[in-house]
Amino acid sequence: MDFGDRLAATVRSVGSTTCVGLDPHLDRLPGGHPTSRSEAAASARAFCLGVIDAVAGVVAAVKPQMAFFEALGSDGVAALEEVCAYAKRSGLIVVLDGKRGDIGSTAEAYAHAMLDDDGPLAADAATLSPYLGAESLSPFGLRCHRGKGLFVLVRTSNPGSGAWQAPEPRGMAHDVASWIARQNGGCSEWGPVGAVVGATLGPEVSAWREAMPKAWFLVPGFGAQGADEEDVRRHQGADGMGALIVSARGVLFPPEGRDGDDWPEQVAMRARRFARTFALRAT
C-alpha cells in the first residue's frame, strides 16, 4: 500500500488526524535534569517509550525530532533507533523529522538511514528540505515505491520564511508545490509525497491545498506555537482528512513546569483531548 493510503487507513482507524511530536526537552522531563549525556539519553528514551504507550491507538502518528536525540551523542542515536522501532510495533506511523536535503551519494545515505527497512531507523516517512532542487529529493522518492512517504518543506510558519518561500509574485514554494503535485498525479486519493504547511498561515492555506490536492499536509504550529483550531481547519478537507496535525509540547508537557509521577496518565489525557479536537467528521 502506498504511504498516502496507509496513512489514511491509520487515521480512519483511530478516528483522528493527529500526530504527537517526540521532542524530549531535557529540562522538562520527569525526574529532574540528567547530569551526563548517557543519563540524558536514557531519560529521553524512557520518556518517549512511555509517551508511545500513552498515545498508541489514540493518535495516528508520532514525529521524533532527530535533533534532540543527536545532541546526546551515540547513546542518543541508539535511543532514537529504539524509539522508532517501538512506535512502529505499537501501530503508529513514524514520521522522522530531520529536514534533510543533500545530493548524490550523501542523499542516498540519508535515505537509507532514515527510511529503508534494513536501515537503522526504518521510519515510515521523513521530512525533507528541497533547497538543493529535485535531485536532492529523488533518492528519497525512490523509497515511495517501497511504501515510504515524504513531507517536503513548502510553507513553514516561522516568521522569516515568507521572504524566501513565497515572496510576491512567486517564490520557491510554488515550484516545490508543483513538483509535489506531479509526483502524486497518478494517485487515486492520497499520494506518497506530502507537504509541510504551517498552521499559522491563515487564508493563504487554501491556495496550497488547491495546488497540491492529493498531498497530505504535515501541519506544525498548533498550540504552543500560536495556531488555534480554526487556523488548523483550513488545512483539512470537509471530512477532516488530508492534514496530519502535530502537537509536541501541548501533549508532552503541562503548560508550566513538569508532570509528577503520574506523567503517563497526564500525557494520555492530553493526547485524548488533542485527538478529540481533530476527530474525523461525518460528511
C-alpha atoms as a PDB file:
ATOM      1  CA  MET A   1       0.000   0.000   0.000  1.00  0.00           C
ATOM      2  CA  ASP A   2       1.272   3.491  -0.870  1.00  0.00           C
ATOM      3  CA  PHE A   3       2.190   5.649   2.104  1.00  0.00           C
ATOM      4  CA  GLY A   4      -0.593   8.176   1.499  1.00  0.00           C
ATOM      5  CA  ASP A   5      -3.250   5.478   1.544  1.00  0.00           C
ATOM      6  CA  ARG A   6      -1.636   3.738   4.518  1.00  0.00           C
ATOM      7  CA  LEU A   7      -1.668   6.977   6.486  1.00  0.00           C
ATOM      8  CA  ALA A   8      -5.311   7.499   5.542  1.00  0.00           C
ATOM      9  CA  ALA A   9      -6.161   3.993   6.754  1.00  0.00           C
ATOM     10  CA  THR A  10      -4.401   4.590  10.074  1.00  0.00           C
ATOM     11  CA  VAL A  11      -6.150   7.949  10.536  1.00  0.00           C
ATOM     12  CA  ARG A  12      -9.527   6.332   9.881  1.00  0.00           C
ATOM     13  CA  SER A  13      -8.688   3.500  12.270  1.00  0.00           C
ATOM     14  CA  VAL A  14      -8.031   5.825  15.213  1.00  0.00           C
ATOM     15  CA  GLY A  15     -10.655   8.357  14.081  1.00  0.00           C
ATOM     16  CA  SER A  16      -8.342  11.358  14.356  1.00  0.00           C
ATOM     17  CA  THR A  17      -5.862  13.095  12.068  1.00  0.00           C
ATOM     18  CA  THR A  18      -3.298  13.810  14.777  1.00  0.00           C
ATOM     19  CA  CYS A  19       0.418  13.317  15.359  1.00  0.00           C
ATOM     20  CA  VAL A  20       2.420  13.729  18.562  1.00  0.00           C
ATOM     21  CA  GLY A  21       5.888  15.218  18.238  1.00  0.00           C
ATOM     22  CA  LEU A  22       8.530  13.412  20.264  1.00  0.00           C
ATOM     23  CA  ASP A  23      10.671  16.327  21.427  1.00  0.00           C
ATOM     24  CA  PRO A  24      12.310  15.267  24.709  1.00  0.00           C
ATOM     25  CA  HIS A  25      13.247  18.649  26.185  1.00  0.00           C
ATOM     26  CA  LEU A  26      15.628  17.652  28.969  1.00  0.00           C
ATOM     27  CA  ASP A  27      14.606  20.479  31.287  1.00  0.00           C
ATOM     28  CA  ARG A  28      11.005  19.263  31.288  1.00  0.00           C
ATOM     29  CA  LEU A  29      11.378  15.504  31.568  1.00  0.00           C
ATOM     30  CA  PRO A  30      10.032  13.846  34.712  1.00  0.00           C
ATOM     31  CA  GLY A  31      12.602  13.015  37.340  1.00  0.00           C
ATOM     32  CA  GLY A  32      14.920  16.008  37.220  1.00  0.00           C
ATOM     33  CA  HIS A  33      17.662  17.190  34.901  1.00  0.00           C
ATOM     34  CA  PRO A  34      20.184  14.493  33.819  1.00  0.00           C
ATOM     35  CA  THR A  35      23.853  15.149  34.604  1.00  0.00           C
ATOM     36  CA  SER A  36      25.534  13.333  31.671  1.00  0.00           C
ATOM     37  CA  ARG A  37      24.791  12.599  28.027  1.00  0.00           C
ATOM     38  CA  SER A  38      24.308   8.893  28.672  1.00  0.00           C
ATOM     39  CA  GLU A  39      21.902   9.627  31.532  1.00  0.00           C
ATOM     40  CA  ALA A  40      20.093  12.157  29.362  1.00  0.00           C
ATOM     41  CA  ALA A  41      19.747   9.639  26.537  1.00  0.00           C
ATOM     42  CA  ALA A  42      18.336   7.063  28.949  1.00  0.00           C
ATOM     43  CA  SER A  43      15.820   9.628  30.247  1.00  0.00           C
ATOM     44  CA  ALA A  44      14.801  10.642  26.716  1.00  0.00           C
ATOM     45  CA  ARG A  45      14.401   7.013  25.711  1.00  0.00           C
ATOM     46  CA  ALA A  46      12.290   6.112  28.765  1.00  0.00           C
ATOM     47  CA  PHE A  47      10.117   9.190  28.344  1.00  0.00           C
ATOM     48  CA  CYS A  48       9.454   8.638  24.642  1.00  0.00           C
ATOM     49  CA  LEU A  49       8.657   4.958  25.130  1.00  0.00           C
ATOM     50  CA  GLY A  50       6.189   5.950  27.848  1.00  0.00           C
ATOM     51  CA  VAL A  51       4.642   8.565  25.568  1.00  0.00           C
ATOM     52  CA  ILE A  52       4.226   5.956  22.835  1.00  0.00           C
ATOM     53  CA  ASP A  53       2.395   3.680  25.272  1.00  0.00           C
ATOM     54  CA  ALA A  54       0.164   6.602  26.243  1.00  0.00           C
ATOM     55  CA  VAL A  55      -0.768   7.701  22.699  1.00  0.00           C
ATOM     56  CA  ALA A  56      -0.876   4.422  20.729  1.00  0.00           C
ATOM     57  CA  GLY A  57      -4.386   3.867  19.431  1.00  0.00           C
ATOM     58  CA  VAL A  58      -5.308   7.473  20.231  1.00  0.00           C
ATOM     59  CA  VAL A  59      -3.374   9.353  17.528  1.00  0.00           C
ATOM     60  CA  ALA A  60      -2.269   8.210  14.095  1.00  0.00           C
ATOM     61  CA  ALA A  61       1.424   9.049  14.191  1.00  0.00           C
ATOM     62  CA  VAL A  62       4.440  10.212  16.114  1.00  0.00           C
ATOM     63  CA  LYS A  63       7.149  12.558  14.857  1.00  0.00           C
ATOM     64  CA  PRO A  64      10.539  12.059  16.534  1.00  0.00           C
ATOM     65  CA  GLN A  65      12.651  15.206  16.184  1.00  0.00           C
ATOM     66  CA  MET A  66      16.118  13.901  15.368  1.00  0.00           C
ATOM     67  CA  ALA A  67      17.980  16.913  16.747  1.00  0.00           C
ATOM     68  CA  PHE A  68      17.011  16.194  20.351  1.00  0.00           C
ATOM     69  CA  PHE A  69      18.494  12.702  20.089  1.00  0.00           C
ATOM     70  CA  GLU A  70      21.565  13.585  18.009  1.00  0.00           C
ATOM     71  CA  ALA A  71      22.508  16.238  20.576  1.00  0.00           C
ATOM     72  CA  LEU A  72      23.033  13.395  23.060  1.00  0.00           C
ATOM     73  CA  GLY A  73      25.701  11.607  21.008  1.00  0.00           C
ATOM     74  CA  SER A  74      25.841   7.902  20.237  1.00  0.00           C
ATOM     75  CA  ASP A  75      23.596   6.995  23.192  1.00  0.00           C
ATOM     76  CA  GLY A  76      21.001   9.432  21.897  1.00  0.00           C
ATOM     77  CA  VAL A  77      21.082   7.988  18.390  1.00  0.00           C
ATOM     78  CA  ALA A  78      20.727   4.490  19.833  1.00  0.00           C
ATOM     79  CA  ALA A  79      17.733   5.729  21.830  1.00  0.00           C
ATOM     80  CA  LEU A  80      16.197   7.144  18.643  1.00  0.00           C
ATOM     81  CA  GLU A  81      16.543   3.774  16.906  1.00  0.00           C
ATOM     82  CA  GLU A  82      14.705   2.086  19.748  1.00  0.00           C
ATOM     83  CA  VAL A  83      12.004   4.767  19.869  1.00  0.00           C
ATOM     84  CA  CYS A  84      11.285   4.434  16.138  1.00  0.00           C
ATOM     85  CA  ALA A  85      11.139   0.645  16.300  1.00  0.00           C
ATOM     86  CA  TYR A  86       8.871   0.661  19.353  1.00  0.00           C
ATOM     87  CA  ALA A  87       6.480   3.171  17.807  1.00  0.00           C
ATOM     88  CA  LYS A  88       6.121   1.042  14.685  1.00  0.00           C
ATOM     89  CA  ARG A  89       5.480  -2.078  16.759  1.00  0.00           C
ATOM     90  CA  SER A  90       2.802  -0.097  18.598  1.00  0.00           C
ATOM     91  CA  GLY A  91       0.926   0.548  15.354  1.00  0.00           C
ATOM     92  CA  LEU A  92       1.891   4.204  14.953  1.00  0.00           C
ATOM     93  CA  ILE A  93       3.057   5.842  11.738  1.00  0.00           C
ATOM     94  CA  VAL A  94       6.583   7.176  12.304  1.00  0.00           C
ATOM     95  CA  VAL A  95       7.443  10.491  10.624  1.00  0.00           C
ATOM     96  CA  LEU A  96      11.129  11.142  11.184  1.00  0.00           C
ATOM     97  CA  ASP A  97      11.773  14.868  11.421  1.00  0.00           C
ATOM     98  CA  GLY A  98      15.290  15.607  10.200  1.00  0.00           C
ATOM     99  CA  LYS A  99      14.637  18.093   7.349  1.00  0.00           C
ATOM    100  CA  ARG A 100      17.468  16.558   5.343  1.00  0.00           C
ATOM    101  CA  GLY A 101      18.456  17.921   1.946  1.00  0.00           C
ATOM    102  CA  ASP A 102      21.573  16.954   0.017  1.00  0.00           C
ATOM    103  CA  ILE A 103      22.608  15.440  -3.299  1.00  0.00           C
ATOM    104  CA  GLY A 104      24.206  12.329  -4.730  1.00  0.00           C
ATOM    105  CA  SER A 105      25.635   9.633  -2.504  1.00  0.00           C
ATOM    106  CA  THR A 106      25.030  11.760   0.602  1.00  0.00           C
ATOM    107  CA  ALA A 107      21.280  11.949  -0.080  1.00  0.00           C
ATOM    108  CA  GLU A 108      21.244   8.214  -0.779  1.00  0.00           C
ATOM    109  CA  ALA A 109      22.939   7.558   2.577  1.00  0.00           C
ATOM    110  CA  TYR A 110      20.417   9.771   4.395  1.00  0.00           C
ATOM    111  CA  ALA A 111      17.520   7.994   2.654  1.00  0.00           C
ATOM    112  CA  HIS A 112      18.872   4.578   3.608  1.00  0.00           C
ATOM    113  CA  ALA A 113      19.434   5.574   7.229  1.00  0.00           C
ATOM    114  CA  MET A 114      16.015   7.162   7.660  1.00  0.00           C
ATOM    115  CA  LEU A 115      13.650   5.039   5.579  1.00  0.00           C
ATOM    116  CA  ASP A 116      14.979   1.654   4.479  1.00  0.00           C
ATOM    117  CA  ASP A 117      13.614  -1.279   6.444  1.00  0.00           C
ATOM    118  CA  ASP A 118      17.142  -2.646   6.795  1.00  0.00           C
ATOM    119  CA  GLY A 119      18.482   0.745   7.869  1.00  0.00           C
ATOM    120  CA  PRO A 120      18.928   1.897  11.467  1.00  0.00           C
ATOM    121  CA  LEU A 121      15.740   3.987  11.767  1.00  0.00           C
ATOM    122  CA  ALA A 122      13.321   2.428   9.237  1.00  0.00           C
ATOM    123  CA  ALA A 123      10.746   5.205   9.587  1.00  0.00           C
ATOM    124  CA  ASP A 124       7.562   5.364   7.540  1.00  0.00           C
ATOM    125  CA  ALA A 125       8.227   8.909   6.301  1.00  0.00           C
ATOM    126  CA  ALA A 126      10.787  11.687   6.557  1.00  0.00           C
ATOM    127  CA  THR A 127      10.777  15.479   6.401  1.00  0.00           C
ATOM    128  CA  LEU A 128      12.975  17.000   3.689  1.00  0.00           C
ATOM    129  CA  SER A 129      14.325  20.387   2.673  1.00  0.00           C
ATOM    130  CA  PRO A 130      14.129  20.987  -1.125  1.00  0.00           C
ATOM    131  CA  TYR A 131      16.534  23.923  -1.345  1.00  0.00           C
ATOM    132  CA  LEU A 132      19.078  21.955  -3.427  1.00  0.00           C
ATOM    133  CA  GLY A 133      16.467  21.050  -6.028  1.00  0.00           C
ATOM    134  CA  ALA A 134      14.659  17.924  -7.167  1.00  0.00           C
ATOM    135  CA  GLU A 135      17.843  15.846  -7.342  1.00  0.00           C
ATOM    136  CA  SER A 136      18.148  16.148  -3.556  1.00  0.00           C
ATOM    137  CA  LEU A 137      14.703  14.561  -3.209  1.00  0.00           C
ATOM    138  CA  SER A 138      14.996  11.790  -5.783  1.00  0.00           C
ATOM    139  CA  PRO A 139      16.821   9.191  -3.600  1.00  0.00           C
ATOM    140  CA  PHE A 140      14.029   9.564  -1.054  1.00  0.00           C
ATOM    141  CA  GLY A 141      11.411   9.459  -3.792  1.00  0.00           C
ATOM    142  CA  LEU A 142      12.653   6.038  -4.870  1.00  0.00           C
ATOM    143  CA  ARG A 143      11.561   4.773  -1.445  1.00  0.00           C
ATOM    144  CA  CYS A 144       7.973   5.803  -2.221  1.00  0.00           C
ATOM    145  CA  HIS A 145       7.814   2.727  -4.455  1.00  0.00           C
ATOM    146  CA  ARG A 146       8.515   0.686  -1.308  1.00  0.00           C
ATOM    147  CA  GLY A 147       5.638   2.175   0.683  1.00  0.00           C
ATOM    148  CA  LYS A 148       7.536   5.065   2.259  1.00  0.00           C
ATOM    149  CA  GLY A 149       6.459   8.708   2.368  1.00  0.00           C
ATOM    150  CA  LEU A 150       7.977  12.185   2.202  1.00  0.00           C
ATOM    151  CA  PHE A 151       6.980  15.505   3.726  1.00  0.00           C
ATOM    152  CA  VAL A 152       8.723  18.283   1.827  1.00  0.00           C
ATOM    153  CA  LEU A 153       9.038  21.773   3.294  1.00  0.00           C
ATOM    154  CA  VAL A 154       6.746  24.068   1.291  1.00  0.00           C
ATOM    155  CA  ARG A 155       5.419  26.877   3.534  1.00  0.00           C
ATOM    156  CA  THR A 156       6.657  26.944   7.084  1.00  0.00           C
ATOM    157  CA  SER A 157       5.201  29.207   9.732  1.00  0.00           C
ATOM    158  CA  ASN A 158       8.381  30.655  11.206  1.00  0.00           C
ATOM    159  CA  PRO A 159       8.349  34.472  10.871  1.00  0.00           C
ATOM    160  CA  GLY A 160      11.177  34.819   8.343  1.00  0.00           C
ATOM    161  CA  SER A 161      10.109  32.064   5.961  1.00  0.00           C
ATOM    162  CA  GLY A 162       7.865  34.025   3.624  1.00  0.00           C
ATOM    163  CA  ALA A 163      10.624  36.262   2.274  1.00  0.00           C
ATOM    164  CA  TRP A 164      12.296  33.246   0.647  1.00  0.00           C
ATOM    165  CA  GLN A 165       9.497  30.727   0.256  1.00  0.00           C
ATOM    166  CA  ALA A 166       6.652  32.840  -1.099  1.00  0.00           C
ATOM    167  CA  PRO A 167       7.530  36.432  -1.936  1.00  0.00           C
ATOM    168  CA  GLU A 168       5.283  38.164  -4.441  1.00  0.00           C
ATOM    169  CA  PRO A 169       4.679  37.410  -7.219  1.00  0.00           C
ATOM    170  CA  ARG A 170       6.225  33.938  -6.917  1.00  0.00           C
ATOM    171  CA  GLY A 171       8.743  32.176  -4.707  1.00  0.00           C
ATOM    172  CA  MET A 172      10.387  28.794  -4.345  1.00  0.00           C
ATOM    173  CA  ALA A 173       7.404  27.322  -2.503  1.00  0.00           C
ATOM    174  CA  HIS A 174       5.310  27.465  -5.687  1.00  0.00           C
ATOM    175  CA  ASP A 175       7.848  25.421  -7.631  1.00  0.00           C
ATOM    176  CA  VAL A 176       8.105  22.873  -4.821  1.00  0.00           C
ATOM    177  CA  ALA A 177       4.311  22.596  -4.654  1.00  0.00           C
ATOM    178  CA  SER A 178       4.154  21.998  -8.416  1.00  0.00           C
ATOM    179  CA  TRP A 179       6.781  19.246  -8.085  1.00  0.00           C
ATOM    180  CA  ILE A 180       4.799  17.576  -5.297  1.00  0.00           C
ATOM    181  CA  ALA A 181       1.593  17.705  -7.339  1.00  0.00           C
ATOM    182  CA  ARG A 182       3.345  15.985 -10.254  1.00  0.00           C
ATOM    183  CA  GLN A 183       4.685  13.214  -8.020  1.00  0.00           C
ATOM    184  CA  ASN A 184       1.168  12.470  -6.776  1.00  0.00           C
ATOM    185  CA  GLY A 185      -0.540  12.893 -10.140  1.00  0.00           C
ATOM    186  CA  GLY A 186      -1.273   9.222 -10.793  1.00  0.00           C
ATOM    187  CA  CYS A 187      -2.710   8.511  -7.342  1.00  0.00           C
ATOM    188  CA  SER A 188      -6.427   7.911  -6.901  1.00  0.00           C
ATOM    189  CA  GLU A 189      -6.714   9.548  -3.476  1.00  0.00           C
ATOM    190  CA  TRP A 190      -3.629  10.478  -1.447  1.00  0.00           C
ATOM    191  CA  GLY A 191      -0.116  10.388  -2.819  1.00  0.00           C
ATOM    192  CA  PRO A 192       3.087   9.404  -1.002  1.00  0.00           C
ATOM    193  CA  VAL A 193       4.634  12.879  -1.240  1.00  0.00           C
ATOM    194  CA  GLY A 194       3.294  15.293   1.335  1.00  0.00           C
ATOM    195  CA  ALA A 195       3.990  18.914   2.171  1.00  0.00           C
ATOM    196  CA  VAL A 196       4.904  20.717   5.367  1.00  0.00           C
ATOM    197  CA  VAL A 197       2.466  23.635   5.541  1.00  0.00           C
ATOM    198  CA  GLY A 198       2.495  25.566   8.813  1.00  0.00           C
ATOM    199  CA  ALA A 199      -0.611  26.145  10.894  1.00  0.00           C
ATOM    200  CA  THR A 200      -0.284  29.920  11.212  1.00  0.00           C
ATOM    201  CA  LEU A 201      -0.575  30.956   7.538  1.00  0.00           C
ATOM    202  CA  GLY A 202      -4.236  31.972   7.559  1.00  0.00           C
ATOM    203  CA  PRO A 203      -6.207  32.188   4.281  1.00  0.00           C
ATOM    204  CA  GLU A 204      -3.028  31.509   2.290  1.00  0.00           C
ATOM    205  CA  VAL A 205      -3.501  27.798   3.047  1.00  0.00           C
ATOM    206  CA  SER A 206      -6.365  27.421   0.566  1.00  0.00           C
ATOM    207  CA  ALA A 207      -4.013  28.223  -2.321  1.00  0.00           C
ATOM    208  CA  TRP A 208      -1.598  25.496  -1.239  1.00  0.00           C
ATOM    209  CA  ARG A 209      -4.411  22.965  -0.942  1.00  0.00           C
ATOM    210  CA  GLU A 210      -5.562  23.864  -4.449  1.00  0.00           C
ATOM    211  CA  ALA A 211      -2.006  23.475  -5.742  1.00  0.00           C
ATOM    212  CA  MET A 212      -1.495  20.055  -4.068  1.00  0.00           C
ATOM    213  CA  PRO A 213      -4.911  18.358  -3.955  1.00  0.00           C
ATOM    214  CA  LYS A 214      -3.573  14.827  -3.360  1.00  0.00           C
ATOM    215  CA  ALA A 215      -0.843  15.693  -0.854  1.00  0.00           C
ATOM    216  CA  TRP A 216      -1.062  15.054   2.850  1.00  0.00           C
ATOM    217  CA  PHE A 217      -0.125  18.216   4.731  1.00  0.00           C
ATOM    218  CA  LEU A 218       2.057  17.887   7.823  1.00  0.00           C
ATOM    219  CA  VAL A 219       0.901  20.808   9.953  1.00  0.00           C
ATOM    220  CA  PRO A 220       3.138  22.028  12.791  1.00  0.00           C
ATOM    221  CA  GLY A 221       2.331  25.093  14.856  1.00  0.00           C
ATOM    222  CA  PHE A 222      -0.848  24.166  16.741  1.00  0.00           C
ATOM    223  CA  GLY A 223      -0.987  25.191  20.394  1.00  0.00           C
ATOM    224  CA  ALA A 224       2.381  26.231  21.804  1.00  0.00           C
ATOM    225  CA  GLN A 225       3.446  27.904  18.547  1.00  0.00           C
ATOM    226  CA  GLY A 226       0.328  30.047  18.394  1.00  0.00           C
ATOM    227  CA  ALA A 227      -2.152  28.436  15.980  1.00  0.00           C
ATOM    228  CA  ASP A 228      -5.650  27.613  17.159  1.00  0.00           C
ATOM    229  CA  GLU A 229      -8.242  25.097  15.980  1.00  0.00           C
ATOM    230  CA  GLU A 230      -9.692  27.451  13.365  1.00  0.00           C
ATOM    231  CA  ASP A 231      -6.244  28.004  11.843  1.00  0.00           C
ATOM    232  CA  VAL A 232      -5.710  24.266  11.500  1.00  0.00           C
ATOM    233  CA  ARG A 233      -9.134  23.522   9.997  1.00  0.00           C
ATOM    234  CA  ARG A 234      -8.072  25.398   6.851  1.00  0.00           C
ATOM    235  CA  HIS A 235      -5.665  22.563   6.050  1.00  0.00           C
ATOM    236  CA  GLN A 236      -8.292  19.803   6.237  1.00  0.00           C
ATOM    237  CA  GLY A 237     -10.934  18.562   3.874  1.00  0.00           C
ATOM    238  CA  ALA A 238     -14.621  18.536   4.802  1.00  0.00           C
ATOM    239  CA  ASP A 239     -14.202  15.151   6.491  1.00  0.00           C
ATOM    240  CA  GLY A 240     -11.057  16.191   8.354  1.00  0.00           C
ATOM    241  CA  MET A 241      -8.726  14.202   6.101  1.00  0.00           C
ATOM    242  CA  GLY A 242      -5.624  15.417   4.292  1.00  0.00           C
ATOM    243  CA  ALA A 243      -3.802  17.125   7.147  1.00  0.00           C
ATOM    244  CA  LEU A 244      -1.730  15.459   9.848  1.00  0.00           C
ATOM    245  CA  ILE A 245      -1.855  17.900  12.759  1.00  0.00           C
ATOM    246  CA  VAL A 246       1.185  17.980  15.038  1.00  0.00           C
ATOM    247  CA  SER A 247       1.354  18.762  18.723  1.00  0.00           C
ATOM    248  CA  ALA A 248       4.526  18.217  20.733  1.00  0.00           C
ATOM    249  CA  ARG A 249       4.761  20.347  23.864  1.00  0.00           C
ATOM    250  CA  GLY A 250       0.971  20.600  24.148  1.00  0.00           C
ATOM    251  CA  VAL A 251       0.729  16.837  24.649  1.00  0.00           C
ATOM    252  CA  LEU A 252       4.087  16.034  26.221  1.00  0.00           C
ATOM    253  CA  PHE A 253       4.128  18.622  28.992  1.00  0.00           C
ATOM    254  CA  PRO A 254       1.783  20.651  31.197  1.00  0.00           C
ATOM    255  CA  PRO A 255       1.526  24.388  30.475  1.00  0.00           C
ATOM    256  CA  GLU A 256       4.052  25.105  33.225  1.00  0.00           C
ATOM    257  CA  GLY A 257       6.682  23.003  34.945  1.00  0.00           C
ATOM    258  CA  ARG A 258       6.716  19.220  34.858  1.00  0.00           C
ATOM    259  CA  ASP A 259       4.282  16.421  35.497  1.00  0.00           C
ATOM    260  CA  GLY A 260       4.686  14.292  38.605  1.00  0.00           C
ATOM    261  CA  ASP A 261       4.902  10.536  38.949  1.00  0.00           C
ATOM    262  CA  ASP A 262       1.583  10.140  37.152  1.00  0.00           C
ATOM    263  CA  TRP A 263       3.011  11.711  33.977  1.00  0.00           C
ATOM    264  CA  PRO A 264       1.977   8.832  31.650  1.00  0.00           C
ATOM    265  CA  GLU A 265      -1.651   9.322  32.669  1.00  0.00           C
ATOM    266  CA  GLN A 266      -1.342  13.072  32.157  1.00  0.00           C
ATOM    267  CA  VAL A 267       0.182  12.606  28.691  1.00  0.00           C
ATOM    268  CA  ALA A 268      -2.596  10.166  27.791  1.00  0.00           C
ATOM    269  CA  MET A 269      -5.228  12.643  28.954  1.00  0.00           C
ATOM    270  CA  ARG A 270      -3.753  15.484  26.875  1.00  0.00           C
ATOM    271  CA  ALA A 271      -3.412  13.173  23.860  1.00  0.00           C
ATOM    272  CA  ARG A 272      -7.073  12.168  24.079  1.00  0.00           C
ATOM    273  CA  ARG A 273      -8.104  15.820  24.267  1.00  0.00           C
ATOM    274  CA  PHE A 274      -5.926  16.625  21.237  1.00  0.00           C
ATOM    275  CA  ALA A 275      -7.344  13.691  19.282  1.00  0.00           C
ATOM    276  CA  ARG A 276     -10.943  14.691  20.074  1.00  0.00           C
ATOM    277  CA  THR A 277     -10.272  18.224  18.865  1.00  0.00           C
ATOM    278  CA  PHE A 278      -9.330  16.915  15.423  1.00  0.00           C
ATOM    279  CA  ALA A 279     -11.584  13.882  15.210  1.00  0.00           C
ATOM    280  CA  LEU A 280     -12.785  12.942  11.751  1.00  0.00           C
ATOM    281  CA  ARG A 281     -16.119  14.433  10.791  1.00  0.00           C
ATOM    282  CA  ALA A 282     -19.055  12.772   9.117  1.00  0.00           C
ATOM    283  CA  THR A 283     -19.834  14.074   5.632  1.00  0.00           C
END
